[in-house]
């Protein structure tokens, strides 16, 4: 926890969530966040352009099937058993079924992990969402 700034910011945010921020700080944080999103998209584009082959697709597919198909299906079914149905169930299932986040590539860059596997999982997951989203809406839709 000491070396992870994300956990520090989470703790500070929880501790001081009732403290109102001056407007200039709030606007600055808002713009900084959107700058981070834009830079993440640029990084994804740069990594996609350097991707020479889809050799990492079989390994990425395994994790994507688990993340985007098995977990949401099991969770959605379990929620029904606990009485959570309708919009609440659909929202939880859709959150679980989202493809890997852009932060995955940022973490892979920061810690020198397998960038090809990461960008392949991001691209395949985003494309796979076009197929899985209608399935979840059909199965758990209101």
N, C-alpha and C. Protein backbone atom coordinates (compact mmCIF):
# COMPACT_ATOMS: atom_id res chain seq x y z
N UNK A 1 0.82 -1.19 0.00
CA UNK A 1 0.00 0.00 0.00
C UNK A 1 0.87 1.26 0.00
N UNK A 2 2.04 1.16 0.56
CA UNK A 2 2.90 2.34 0.68
C UNK A 2 3.37 2.82 -0.69
N UNK A 3 3.61 1.90 -1.64
CA UNK A 3 4.18 2.31 -2.92
C UNK A 3 3.13 2.48 -4.02
N UNK A 4 1.85 2.30 -3.70
CA UNK A 4 0.80 2.37 -4.71
C UNK A 4 0.01 3.68 -4.57
N UNK A 5 0.23 4.64 -5.45
CA UNK A 5 -0.47 5.93 -5.33
C UNK A 5 -1.98 5.81 -5.54
N UNK A 6 -2.43 4.79 -6.24
CA UNK A 6 -3.87 4.61 -6.43
C UNK A 6 -4.55 4.34 -5.09
N UNK A 7 -3.96 3.49 -4.29
CA UNK A 7 -4.53 3.21 -2.98
C UNK A 7 -4.47 4.42 -2.06
N UNK A 8 -3.40 5.19 -2.16
CA UNK A 8 -3.32 6.42 -1.38
C UNK A 8 -4.46 7.38 -1.74
N UNK A 9 -4.67 7.57 -3.05
CA UNK A 9 -5.72 8.51 -3.47
C UNK A 9 -7.09 7.98 -3.09
N UNK A 10 -7.29 6.67 -3.14
CA UNK A 10 -8.57 6.10 -2.70
C UNK A 10 -8.80 6.39 -1.22
N UNK A 11 -7.78 6.19 -0.41
CA UNK A 11 -7.91 6.46 1.03
C UNK A 11 -8.17 7.93 1.32
N UNK A 12 -7.42 8.82 0.66
CA UNK A 12 -7.64 10.26 0.85
C UNK A 12 -9.04 10.67 0.38
N UNK A 13 -9.47 10.09 -0.73
CA UNK A 13 -10.81 10.41 -1.23
C UNK A 13 -11.90 10.00 -0.27
N UNK A 14 -11.75 8.82 0.31
CA UNK A 14 -12.74 8.37 1.30
C UNK A 14 -12.72 9.24 2.56
N UNK A 15 -11.52 9.57 3.02
CA UNK A 15 -11.40 10.35 4.26
C UNK A 15 -11.94 11.76 4.11
N UNK A 16 -11.74 12.37 2.95
CA UNK A 16 -12.12 13.77 2.77
C UNK A 16 -13.24 13.97 1.75
N UNK A 17 -14.10 12.99 1.60
CA UNK A 17 -15.15 13.10 0.59
C UNK A 17 -16.19 14.17 0.91
N UNK A 18 -16.33 14.53 2.17
CA UNK A 18 -17.30 15.56 2.55
C UNK A 18 -16.73 16.97 2.44
N UNK A 19 -15.43 17.09 2.27
CA UNK A 19 -14.78 18.39 2.18
C UNK A 19 -14.97 18.97 0.78
N UNK A 20 -15.66 20.11 0.67
CA UNK A 20 -15.85 20.71 -0.67
C UNK A 20 -14.54 21.30 -1.20
N UNK A 21 -14.29 21.08 -2.47
CA UNK A 21 -13.10 21.62 -3.11
C UNK A 21 -13.41 22.96 -3.76
N UNK A 22 -12.44 23.87 -3.77
CA UNK A 22 -12.65 25.11 -4.51
C UNK A 22 -12.86 24.80 -5.99
N UNK A 23 -13.61 25.64 -6.64
CA UNK A 23 -13.99 25.40 -8.03
C UNK A 23 -12.77 25.25 -8.95
N UNK A 24 -11.73 26.02 -8.74
CA UNK A 24 -10.54 25.95 -9.59
C UNK A 24 -9.87 24.58 -9.48
N UNK A 25 -9.83 24.03 -8.28
CA UNK A 25 -9.23 22.70 -8.09
C UNK A 25 -10.10 21.63 -8.73
N UNK A 26 -11.40 21.76 -8.58
CA UNK A 26 -12.32 20.80 -9.17
C UNK A 26 -12.22 20.80 -10.70
N UNK A 27 -12.17 21.96 -11.30
CA UNK A 27 -12.05 22.07 -12.75
C UNK A 27 -10.69 21.54 -13.21
N UNK A 28 -9.63 21.83 -12.46
CA UNK A 28 -8.29 21.35 -12.81
C UNK A 28 -8.23 19.83 -12.76
N UNK A 29 -8.81 19.23 -11.73
CA UNK A 29 -8.83 17.77 -11.63
C UNK A 29 -9.64 17.15 -12.75
N UNK A 30 -10.74 17.79 -13.09
CA UNK A 30 -11.59 17.31 -14.19
C UNK A 30 -10.82 17.31 -15.51
N UNK A 31 -10.13 18.39 -15.78
CA UNK A 31 -9.34 18.48 -17.02
C UNK A 31 -8.16 17.52 -17.01
N UNK A 32 -7.53 17.35 -15.86
CA UNK A 32 -6.42 16.40 -15.74
C UNK A 32 -6.90 14.98 -16.00
N UNK A 33 -8.08 14.64 -15.50
CA UNK A 33 -8.62 13.30 -15.72
C UNK A 33 -8.89 13.06 -17.21
N UNK A 34 -9.49 14.01 -17.89
CA UNK A 34 -9.76 13.85 -19.32
C UNK A 34 -8.48 13.84 -20.14
N UNK A 35 -7.46 14.55 -19.68
CA UNK A 35 -6.16 14.49 -20.35
C UNK A 35 -5.57 13.09 -20.22
N UNK A 36 -5.72 12.51 -19.04
CA UNK A 36 -5.25 11.13 -18.84
C UNK A 36 -5.97 10.14 -19.74
N UNK A 37 -7.27 10.32 -19.91
CA UNK A 37 -8.04 9.45 -20.81
C UNK A 37 -7.56 9.61 -22.25
N UNK A 38 -7.36 10.84 -22.67
CA UNK A 38 -6.90 11.09 -24.04
C UNK A 38 -5.52 10.50 -24.28
N UNK A 39 -4.62 10.66 -23.32
CA UNK A 39 -3.28 10.10 -23.47
C UNK A 39 -3.32 8.57 -23.49
N UNK A 40 -4.23 7.97 -22.73
CA UNK A 40 -4.38 6.52 -22.75
C UNK A 40 -4.83 6.04 -24.12
N UNK A 41 -5.74 6.77 -24.75
CA UNK A 41 -6.20 6.41 -26.09
C UNK A 41 -5.07 6.55 -27.11
N UNK A 42 -4.25 7.57 -26.96
CA UNK A 42 -3.10 7.73 -27.85
C UNK A 42 -2.13 6.57 -27.66
N UNK A 43 -1.90 6.18 -26.40
CA UNK A 43 -1.00 5.05 -26.12
C UNK A 43 -1.53 3.76 -26.74
N UNK A 44 -2.84 3.54 -26.65
CA UNK A 44 -3.42 2.35 -27.27
C UNK A 44 -3.23 2.38 -28.78
N UNK A 45 -3.45 3.52 -29.38
CA UNK A 45 -3.23 3.65 -30.82
C UNK A 45 -1.79 3.39 -31.21
N UNK A 46 -0.85 3.90 -30.41
CA UNK A 46 0.57 3.68 -30.71
C UNK A 46 0.91 2.19 -30.59
N UNK A 47 0.40 1.53 -29.58
CA UNK A 47 0.69 0.11 -29.40
C UNK A 47 0.01 -0.74 -30.47
N UNK A 48 -1.20 -0.37 -30.86
CA UNK A 48 -1.88 -1.10 -31.94
C UNK A 48 -1.11 -0.97 -33.25
N UNK A 49 -0.55 0.20 -33.50
CA UNK A 49 0.21 0.39 -34.75
C UNK A 49 1.50 -0.42 -34.75
N UNK A 50 2.05 -0.73 -33.57
CA UNK A 50 3.27 -1.51 -33.49
C UNK A 50 3.00 -3.02 -33.43
N UNK A 51 1.74 -3.40 -33.35
CA UNK A 51 1.39 -4.82 -33.27
C UNK A 51 1.62 -5.46 -34.63
N UNK A 52 2.56 -6.38 -34.70
CA UNK A 52 2.92 -7.01 -35.97
C UNK A 52 2.05 -8.22 -36.31
N UNK A 53 1.60 -8.94 -35.30
CA UNK A 53 0.78 -10.13 -35.56
C UNK A 53 -0.18 -10.32 -34.39
N UNK A 54 -1.10 -11.22 -34.59
CA UNK A 54 -2.09 -11.53 -33.56
C UNK A 54 -1.73 -12.84 -32.86
N UNK A 55 -0.42 -13.10 -32.69
CA UNK A 55 0.04 -14.33 -32.04
C UNK A 55 -0.43 -14.45 -30.60
N UNK A 56 -0.70 -13.34 -29.96
CA UNK A 56 -1.15 -13.37 -28.57
C UNK A 56 -2.65 -13.60 -28.44
N UNK A 57 -3.35 -13.70 -29.56
CA UNK A 57 -4.81 -13.84 -29.51
C UNK A 57 -5.28 -15.10 -28.79
N UNK A 58 -4.65 -16.27 -28.98
CA UNK A 58 -5.14 -17.44 -28.23
C UNK A 58 -5.04 -17.26 -26.71
N UNK A 59 -3.94 -16.69 -26.23
CA UNK A 59 -3.80 -16.45 -24.78
C UNK A 59 -4.79 -15.39 -24.31
N UNK A 60 -4.97 -14.35 -25.10
CA UNK A 60 -5.90 -13.30 -24.71
C UNK A 60 -7.34 -13.81 -24.73
N UNK A 61 -7.64 -14.70 -25.66
CA UNK A 61 -9.00 -15.22 -25.79
C UNK A 61 -9.43 -15.99 -24.55
N UNK A 62 -8.51 -16.71 -23.94
CA UNK A 62 -8.85 -17.47 -22.74
C UNK A 62 -9.31 -16.53 -21.63
N UNK A 63 -8.54 -15.50 -21.39
CA UNK A 63 -8.92 -14.56 -20.32
C UNK A 63 -10.19 -13.78 -20.69
N UNK A 64 -10.36 -13.46 -21.97
CA UNK A 64 -11.55 -12.73 -22.38
C UNK A 64 -12.82 -13.57 -22.25
N UNK A 65 -12.73 -14.85 -22.56
CA UNK A 65 -13.90 -15.73 -22.40
C UNK A 65 -14.29 -15.81 -20.93
N UNK A 66 -13.30 -15.94 -20.07
CA UNK A 66 -13.60 -15.98 -18.64
C UNK A 66 -14.20 -14.66 -18.18
N UNK A 67 -13.55 -13.55 -18.55
CA UNK A 67 -13.99 -12.23 -18.07
C UNK A 67 -15.30 -11.76 -18.67
N UNK A 68 -15.48 -11.99 -19.96
CA UNK A 68 -16.62 -11.39 -20.64
C UNK A 68 -17.80 -12.35 -20.86
N UNK A 69 -17.59 -13.66 -20.63
CA UNK A 69 -18.68 -14.62 -20.81
C UNK A 69 -19.00 -15.40 -19.54
N UNK A 70 -18.02 -16.12 -19.01
CA UNK A 70 -18.29 -17.00 -17.88
C UNK A 70 -18.66 -16.25 -16.61
N UNK A 71 -17.86 -15.28 -16.22
CA UNK A 71 -18.13 -14.55 -14.97
C UNK A 71 -19.48 -13.83 -15.02
N UNK A 72 -19.80 -13.07 -16.08
CA UNK A 72 -21.12 -12.43 -16.09
C UNK A 72 -22.28 -13.42 -16.10
N UNK A 73 -22.12 -14.54 -16.80
CA UNK A 73 -23.18 -15.54 -16.83
C UNK A 73 -23.41 -16.15 -15.45
N UNK A 74 -22.32 -16.53 -14.79
CA UNK A 74 -22.45 -17.11 -13.45
C UNK A 74 -22.98 -16.08 -12.45
N UNK A 75 -22.47 -14.85 -12.52
CA UNK A 75 -22.92 -13.81 -11.61
C UNK A 75 -24.37 -13.45 -11.85
N UNK A 76 -24.75 -13.31 -13.11
CA UNK A 76 -26.14 -12.98 -13.42
C UNK A 76 -27.10 -14.05 -12.94
N UNK A 77 -26.71 -15.30 -13.09
CA UNK A 77 -27.55 -16.40 -12.60
C UNK A 77 -27.61 -16.41 -11.09
N UNK A 78 -26.49 -16.16 -10.43
CA UNK A 78 -26.47 -16.14 -8.97
C UNK A 78 -27.28 -14.97 -8.41
N UNK A 79 -27.27 -13.85 -9.09
CA UNK A 79 -28.05 -12.70 -8.62
C UNK A 79 -29.53 -13.02 -8.61
N UNK A 80 -29.99 -13.79 -9.58
CA UNK A 80 -31.40 -14.20 -9.61
C UNK A 80 -31.75 -15.03 -8.38
N UNK A 81 -30.83 -15.86 -7.96
CA UNK A 81 -31.08 -16.69 -6.77
C UNK A 81 -31.20 -15.85 -5.50
N UNK A 82 -30.53 -14.70 -5.47
CA UNK A 82 -30.58 -13.81 -4.31
C UNK A 82 -31.69 -12.76 -4.43
N UNK A 83 -32.49 -12.86 -5.46
CA UNK A 83 -33.63 -11.96 -5.61
C UNK A 83 -33.33 -10.65 -6.31
N UNK A 84 -32.12 -10.48 -6.83
CA UNK A 84 -31.80 -9.26 -7.58
C UNK A 84 -32.13 -9.51 -9.05
N UNK A 85 -33.14 -8.83 -9.53
CA UNK A 85 -33.55 -8.98 -10.92
C UNK A 85 -33.77 -7.60 -11.53
N UNK A 86 -34.13 -7.59 -12.78
CA UNK A 86 -34.47 -6.34 -13.45
C UNK A 86 -33.26 -5.48 -13.74
N UNK A 87 -33.44 -4.18 -13.59
CA UNK A 87 -32.39 -3.21 -13.93
C UNK A 87 -31.15 -3.39 -13.08
N UNK A 88 -31.33 -3.70 -11.81
CA UNK A 88 -30.18 -3.87 -10.92
C UNK A 88 -29.32 -5.03 -11.40
N UNK A 89 -29.93 -6.13 -11.72
CA UNK A 89 -29.21 -7.30 -12.21
C UNK A 89 -28.50 -6.98 -13.53
N UNK A 90 -29.18 -6.31 -14.43
CA UNK A 90 -28.60 -5.97 -15.72
C UNK A 90 -27.39 -5.06 -15.58
N UNK A 91 -27.47 -4.07 -14.71
CA UNK A 91 -26.35 -3.15 -14.51
C UNK A 91 -25.14 -3.89 -13.98
N UNK A 92 -25.34 -4.77 -13.00
CA UNK A 92 -24.22 -5.52 -12.44
C UNK A 92 -23.61 -6.45 -13.48
N UNK A 93 -24.44 -7.13 -14.25
CA UNK A 93 -23.94 -8.03 -15.29
C UNK A 93 -23.17 -7.25 -16.35
N UNK A 94 -23.69 -6.11 -16.77
CA UNK A 94 -23.00 -5.32 -17.79
C UNK A 94 -21.66 -4.79 -17.28
N UNK A 95 -21.60 -4.42 -16.01
CA UNK A 95 -20.32 -3.97 -15.46
C UNK A 95 -19.31 -5.10 -15.44
N UNK A 96 -19.76 -6.30 -15.12
CA UNK A 96 -18.85 -7.45 -15.09
C UNK A 96 -18.43 -7.87 -16.50
N UNK A 97 -19.25 -7.60 -17.49
CA UNK A 97 -18.99 -8.07 -18.86
C UNK A 97 -18.17 -7.09 -19.70
N UNK A 98 -17.73 -6.00 -19.12
CA UNK A 98 -16.96 -5.02 -19.88
C UNK A 98 -15.59 -5.57 -20.26
N UNK A 99 -15.07 -5.15 -21.40
CA UNK A 99 -13.73 -5.61 -21.81
C UNK A 99 -12.67 -5.02 -20.89
N UNK A 100 -11.42 -5.48 -21.03
CA UNK A 100 -10.34 -4.94 -20.19
C UNK A 100 -10.25 -3.42 -20.34
N UNK A 101 -9.93 -2.77 -19.25
CA UNK A 101 -9.88 -1.31 -19.23
C UNK A 101 -8.59 -0.79 -19.86
N UNK A 102 -8.63 0.47 -20.28
CA UNK A 102 -7.46 1.09 -20.87
C UNK A 102 -6.30 1.16 -19.88
N UNK A 103 -6.62 1.21 -18.59
CA UNK A 103 -5.57 1.28 -17.58
C UNK A 103 -4.69 0.04 -17.61
N UNK A 104 -5.20 -1.06 -18.16
CA UNK A 104 -4.42 -2.28 -18.27
C UNK A 104 -3.15 -2.04 -19.07
N UNK A 105 -3.26 -1.31 -20.16
CA UNK A 105 -2.09 -1.03 -20.99
C UNK A 105 -1.14 -0.06 -20.29
N UNK A 106 -1.68 0.89 -19.56
CA UNK A 106 -0.83 1.83 -18.82
C UNK A 106 -0.02 1.07 -17.78
N UNK A 107 -0.66 0.12 -17.09
CA UNK A 107 0.04 -0.69 -16.10
C UNK A 107 1.09 -1.57 -16.77
N UNK A 108 0.75 -2.15 -17.91
CA UNK A 108 1.72 -2.97 -18.64
C UNK A 108 2.93 -2.14 -19.06
N UNK A 109 2.71 -0.90 -19.46
CA UNK A 109 3.82 -0.02 -19.83
C UNK A 109 4.66 0.32 -18.60
N UNK A 110 4.01 0.64 -17.50
CA UNK A 110 4.73 1.07 -16.31
C UNK A 110 5.59 -0.03 -15.72
N UNK A 111 5.11 -1.27 -15.76
CA UNK A 111 5.82 -2.39 -15.14
C UNK A 111 6.50 -3.31 -16.15
N UNK A 112 6.61 -2.86 -17.40
CA UNK A 112 7.31 -3.59 -18.45
C UNK A 112 6.78 -5.01 -18.61
N UNK A 113 5.45 -5.13 -18.72
CA UNK A 113 4.81 -6.42 -18.91
C UNK A 113 4.61 -6.69 -20.40
N UNK A 114 3.95 -7.77 -20.74
CA UNK A 114 3.75 -8.16 -22.13
C UNK A 114 2.77 -7.19 -22.81
N UNK A 115 3.31 -6.24 -23.54
CA UNK A 115 2.49 -5.20 -24.17
C UNK A 115 1.66 -5.75 -25.32
N UNK A 116 2.22 -6.68 -26.08
CA UNK A 116 1.46 -7.26 -27.20
C UNK A 116 0.23 -8.01 -26.71
N UNK A 117 0.39 -8.77 -25.65
CA UNK A 117 -0.74 -9.49 -25.08
C UNK A 117 -1.79 -8.51 -24.56
N UNK A 118 -1.33 -7.46 -23.92
CA UNK A 118 -2.24 -6.47 -23.35
C UNK A 118 -3.04 -5.76 -24.43
N UNK A 119 -2.37 -5.27 -25.46
CA UNK A 119 -3.08 -4.55 -26.50
C UNK A 119 -3.96 -5.48 -27.32
N UNK A 120 -3.56 -6.73 -27.47
CA UNK A 120 -4.41 -7.71 -28.15
C UNK A 120 -5.67 -7.97 -27.36
N UNK A 121 -5.53 -8.12 -26.04
CA UNK A 121 -6.71 -8.32 -25.18
C UNK A 121 -7.63 -7.11 -25.22
N UNK A 122 -7.05 -5.92 -25.22
CA UNK A 122 -7.88 -4.70 -25.31
C UNK A 122 -8.65 -4.63 -26.61
N UNK A 123 -7.96 -4.86 -27.70
CA UNK A 123 -8.61 -4.77 -29.01
C UNK A 123 -9.65 -5.86 -29.20
N UNK A 124 -9.29 -7.10 -28.87
CA UNK A 124 -10.24 -8.21 -29.02
C UNK A 124 -11.42 -8.07 -28.07
N UNK A 125 -11.16 -7.59 -26.86
CA UNK A 125 -12.25 -7.38 -25.90
C UNK A 125 -13.21 -6.30 -26.35
N UNK A 126 -12.67 -5.22 -26.88
CA UNK A 126 -13.54 -4.14 -27.37
C UNK A 126 -14.37 -4.59 -28.57
N UNK A 127 -13.76 -5.37 -29.44
CA UNK A 127 -14.50 -5.91 -30.58
C UNK A 127 -15.51 -6.96 -30.12
N UNK A 128 -15.12 -7.76 -29.15
CA UNK A 128 -16.02 -8.79 -28.63
C UNK A 128 -17.23 -8.23 -27.92
N UNK A 129 -17.09 -7.01 -27.40
CA UNK A 129 -18.22 -6.37 -26.73
C UNK A 129 -19.39 -6.18 -27.69
N UNK A 130 -19.10 -5.98 -28.96
CA UNK A 130 -20.16 -5.83 -29.95
C UNK A 130 -21.01 -7.10 -30.07
N UNK A 131 -20.41 -8.24 -29.75
CA UNK A 131 -21.13 -9.51 -29.80
C UNK A 131 -21.78 -9.83 -28.47
N UNK A 132 -21.04 -9.61 -27.37
CA UNK A 132 -21.56 -10.01 -26.06
C UNK A 132 -22.61 -9.07 -25.49
N UNK A 133 -22.54 -7.80 -25.81
CA UNK A 133 -23.51 -6.85 -25.26
C UNK A 133 -24.95 -7.21 -25.61
N UNK A 134 -25.26 -7.53 -26.88
CA UNK A 134 -26.65 -7.94 -27.17
C UNK A 134 -27.06 -9.23 -26.44
N UNK A 135 -26.10 -10.12 -26.21
CA UNK A 135 -26.41 -11.35 -25.49
C UNK A 135 -26.86 -11.04 -24.07
N UNK A 136 -26.10 -10.18 -23.38
CA UNK A 136 -26.45 -9.84 -22.00
C UNK A 136 -27.75 -9.06 -21.94
N UNK A 137 -27.99 -8.20 -22.89
CA UNK A 137 -29.25 -7.46 -22.92
C UNK A 137 -30.42 -8.39 -23.16
N UNK A 138 -30.21 -9.41 -23.97
CA UNK A 138 -31.27 -10.37 -24.27
C UNK A 138 -31.53 -11.27 -23.06
N UNK A 139 -30.45 -11.76 -22.43
CA UNK A 139 -30.61 -12.68 -21.30
C UNK A 139 -31.14 -12.01 -20.04
N UNK A 140 -30.62 -10.82 -19.74
CA UNK A 140 -30.92 -10.19 -18.46
C UNK A 140 -31.66 -8.86 -18.61
N UNK A 141 -32.04 -8.51 -19.83
CA UNK A 141 -32.71 -7.24 -20.05
C UNK A 141 -34.08 -7.17 -19.40
N UNK A 142 -34.49 -5.96 -19.17
CA UNK A 142 -35.77 -5.73 -18.49
C UNK A 142 -36.91 -5.84 -19.47
